[in-house]
Amino acid sequence: MPSFTSWARERQGVALQGLYAYEGFTYDVPDRAALHERHLAAQRTLVELAAVVASTFPARPIVSLGSTPSLSAEVPLLDGVDEIRPGTY
């Protein structure tokens, strides 16, 4: 992570506003329990990454993630997830 934050800080005109993850890895899960765990793991990872980024940049980034399978699993969103991208239904 330090290499990314260092790179971004050194770029004039770069304004980091958010972190986004497309959860394409949720399409091949064998069952709902596995889907639930993958989606929670993705949320945890992005929220933790946002905390690292916030310690380097002036503001906490917006956290956004999603895919059709992950958001149709009715997994509660963790604190720190600001936006969902549910795909198509």
C-alpha atoms as a PDB file:
ATOM      1  CA  MET A   1       0.000   0.000   0.000  1.00  0.00           C
ATOM      2  CA  PRO A   2       2.717   2.568   0.714  1.00  0.00           C
ATOM      3  CA  SER A   3       3.864   2.427  -2.901  1.00  0.00           C
ATOM      4  CA  PHE A   4       0.385   3.331  -4.172  1.00  0.00           C
ATOM      5  CA  THR A   5      -0.109   6.180  -1.735  1.00  0.00           C
ATOM      6  CA  SER A   6       3.381   7.494  -2.484  1.00  0.00           C
ATOM      7  CA  TRP A   7       2.756   7.305  -6.216  1.00  0.00           C
ATOM      8  CA  ALA A   8      -0.588   9.094  -5.944  1.00  0.00           C
ATOM      9  CA  ARG A   9       0.760  11.850  -3.707  1.00  0.00           C
ATOM     10  CA  GLU A  10       3.590  12.572  -6.134  1.00  0.00           C
ATOM     11  CA  ARG A  11       1.237  13.119  -9.084  1.00  0.00           C
ATOM     12  CA  GLN A  12       0.226  16.712  -9.526  1.00  0.00           C
ATOM     13  CA  GLY A  13      -3.421  17.058 -10.355  1.00  0.00           C
ATOM     14  CA  VAL A  14      -4.364  13.610  -9.045  1.00  0.00           C
ATOM     15  CA  ALA A  15      -7.254  13.777  -6.617  1.00  0.00           C
ATOM     16  CA  LEU A  16      -8.092  10.453  -5.040  1.00  0.00           C
ATOM     17  CA  GLN A  17     -11.797  10.458  -4.312  1.00  0.00           C
ATOM     18  CA  GLY A  18     -12.690   6.851  -3.846  1.00  0.00           C
ATOM     19  CA  LEU A  19     -11.981   3.147  -3.973  1.00  0.00           C
ATOM     20  CA  TYR A  20     -14.045   0.794  -6.093  1.00  0.00           C
ATOM     21  CA  ALA A  21     -14.070  -2.973  -6.438  1.00  0.00           C
ATOM     22  CA  TYR A  22     -16.019  -4.930  -9.005  1.00  0.00           C
ATOM     23  CA  GLU A  23     -16.779  -8.276  -7.412  1.00  0.00           C
ATOM     24  CA  GLY A  24     -16.505 -10.435 -10.506  1.00  0.00           C
ATOM     25  CA  PHE A  25     -15.140 -13.184  -8.279  1.00  0.00           C
ATOM     26  CA  THR A  26     -18.639 -13.729  -6.874  1.00  0.00           C
ATOM     27  CA  TYR A  27     -20.063 -15.184 -10.085  1.00  0.00           C
ATOM     28  CA  ASP A  28     -18.601 -18.666  -9.639  1.00  0.00           C
ATOM     29  CA  VAL A  29     -19.389 -19.333  -5.990  1.00  0.00           C
ATOM     30  CA  PRO A  30     -20.796 -22.787  -5.236  1.00  0.00           C
ATOM     31  CA  ASP A  31     -23.472 -21.669  -2.764  1.00  0.00           C
ATOM     32  CA  ARG A  32     -25.020 -18.778  -0.871  1.00  0.00           C
ATOM     33  CA  ALA A  33     -22.741 -19.230   2.165  1.00  0.00           C
ATOM     34  CA  ALA A  34     -19.623 -18.866   0.005  1.00  0.00           C
ATOM     35  CA  LEU A  35     -21.147 -15.838  -1.726  1.00  0.00           C
ATOM     36  CA  HIS A  36     -21.859 -14.266   1.656  1.00  0.00           C
ATOM     37  CA  GLU A  37     -18.269 -14.808   2.836  1.00  0.00           C
ATOM     38  CA  ARG A  38     -16.668 -13.488  -0.360  1.00  0.00           C
ATOM     39  CA  HIS A  39     -18.798 -10.367  -0.293  1.00  0.00           C
ATOM     40  CA  LEU A  40     -18.005  -9.710   3.383  1.00  0.00           C
ATOM     41  CA  ALA A  41     -14.293 -10.251   2.734  1.00  0.00           C
ATOM     42  CA  ALA A  42     -14.382  -7.724  -0.117  1.00  0.00           C
ATOM     43  CA  GLN A  43     -16.124  -5.189   2.097  1.00  0.00           C
ATOM     44  CA  ARG A  44     -13.578  -5.694   4.893  1.00  0.00           C
ATOM     45  CA  THR A  45     -10.667  -5.302   2.500  1.00  0.00           C
ATOM     46  CA  LEU A  46     -11.965  -2.068   0.987  1.00  0.00           C
ATOM     47  CA  VAL A  47     -12.871  -0.542   4.361  1.00  0.00           C
ATOM     48  CA  GLU A  48      -9.383  -1.382   5.692  1.00  0.00           C
ATOM     49  CA  LEU A  49      -7.773   0.038   2.555  1.00  0.00           C
ATOM     50  CA  ALA A  50      -9.834   3.211   2.917  1.00  0.00           C
ATOM     51  CA  ALA A  51      -8.474   3.644   6.450  1.00  0.00           C
ATOM     52  CA  VAL A  52      -4.893   3.365   5.149  1.00  0.00           C
ATOM     53  CA  VAL A  53      -5.578   5.842   2.359  1.00  0.00           C
ATOM     54  CA  ALA A  54      -7.289   8.238   4.796  1.00  0.00           C
ATOM     55  CA  SER A  55      -4.161   8.269   6.939  1.00  0.00           C
ATOM     56  CA  THR A  56      -2.168   9.559   3.941  1.00  0.00           C
ATOM     57  CA  PHE A  57      -4.627  11.833   2.129  1.00  0.00           C
ATOM     58  CA  PRO A  58      -6.677  14.757   3.420  1.00  0.00           C
ATOM     59  CA  ALA A  59     -10.022  12.940   3.368  1.00  0.00           C
ATOM     60  CA  ARG A  60     -11.363   9.425   3.673  1.00  0.00           C
ATOM     61  CA  PRO A  61     -12.138   8.041   0.206  1.00  0.00           C
ATOM     62  CA  ILE A  62     -15.606   6.971  -0.857  1.00  0.00           C
ATOM     63  CA  VAL A  63     -15.893   3.169  -0.708  1.00  0.00           C
ATOM     64  CA  SER A  64     -17.905   1.554  -3.506  1.00  0.00           C
ATOM     65  CA  LEU A  65     -18.285  -2.066  -4.559  1.00  0.00           C
ATOM     66  CA  GLY A  66     -20.601  -4.593  -6.031  1.00  0.00           C
ATOM     67  CA  SER A  67     -21.773  -7.076  -8.604  1.00  0.00           C
ATOM     68  CA  THR A  68     -25.110  -8.661  -9.347  1.00  0.00           C
ATOM     69  CA  PRO A  69     -24.453 -11.869  -7.363  1.00  0.00           C
ATOM     70  CA  SER A  70     -22.876 -10.224  -4.346  1.00  0.00           C
ATOM     71  CA  LEU A  71     -25.639  -7.724  -3.813  1.00  0.00           C
ATOM     72  CA  SER A  72     -28.461 -10.134  -4.522  1.00  0.00           C
ATOM     73  CA  ALA A  73     -27.232 -12.253  -1.596  1.00  0.00           C
ATOM     74  CA  GLU A  74     -28.697  -9.759   0.882  1.00  0.00           C
ATOM     75  CA  VAL A  75     -25.432  -9.378   2.783  1.00  0.00           C
ATOM     76  CA  PRO A  76     -25.534  -6.436   5.196  1.00  0.00           C
ATOM     77  CA  LEU A  77     -23.135  -3.639   4.321  1.00  0.00           C
ATOM     78  CA  LEU A  78     -20.365  -2.908   6.771  1.00  0.00           C
ATOM     79  CA  ASP A  79     -19.849   0.527   8.267  1.00  0.00           C
ATOM     80  CA  GLY A  80     -17.556   2.379   5.917  1.00  0.00           C
ATOM     81  CA  VAL A  81     -19.155   1.183   2.671  1.00  0.00           C
ATOM     82  CA  ASP A  82     -20.654   4.286   1.105  1.00  0.00           C
ATOM     83  CA  GLU A  83     -22.012   3.101  -2.209  1.00  0.00           C
ATOM     84  CA  ILE A  84     -23.106  -0.113  -3.897  1.00  0.00           C
ATOM     85  CA  ARG A  85     -23.043  -0.989  -7.575  1.00  0.00           C
ATOM     86  CA  PRO A  86     -25.563  -3.805  -7.858  1.00  0.00           C
ATOM     87  CA  GLY A  87     -25.312  -4.558 -11.581  1.00  0.00           C
ATOM     88  CA  THR A  88     -28.401  -5.955 -13.256  1.00  0.00           C
ATOM     89  CA  TYR A  89     -31.184  -8.102 -11.896  1.00  0.00           C
END
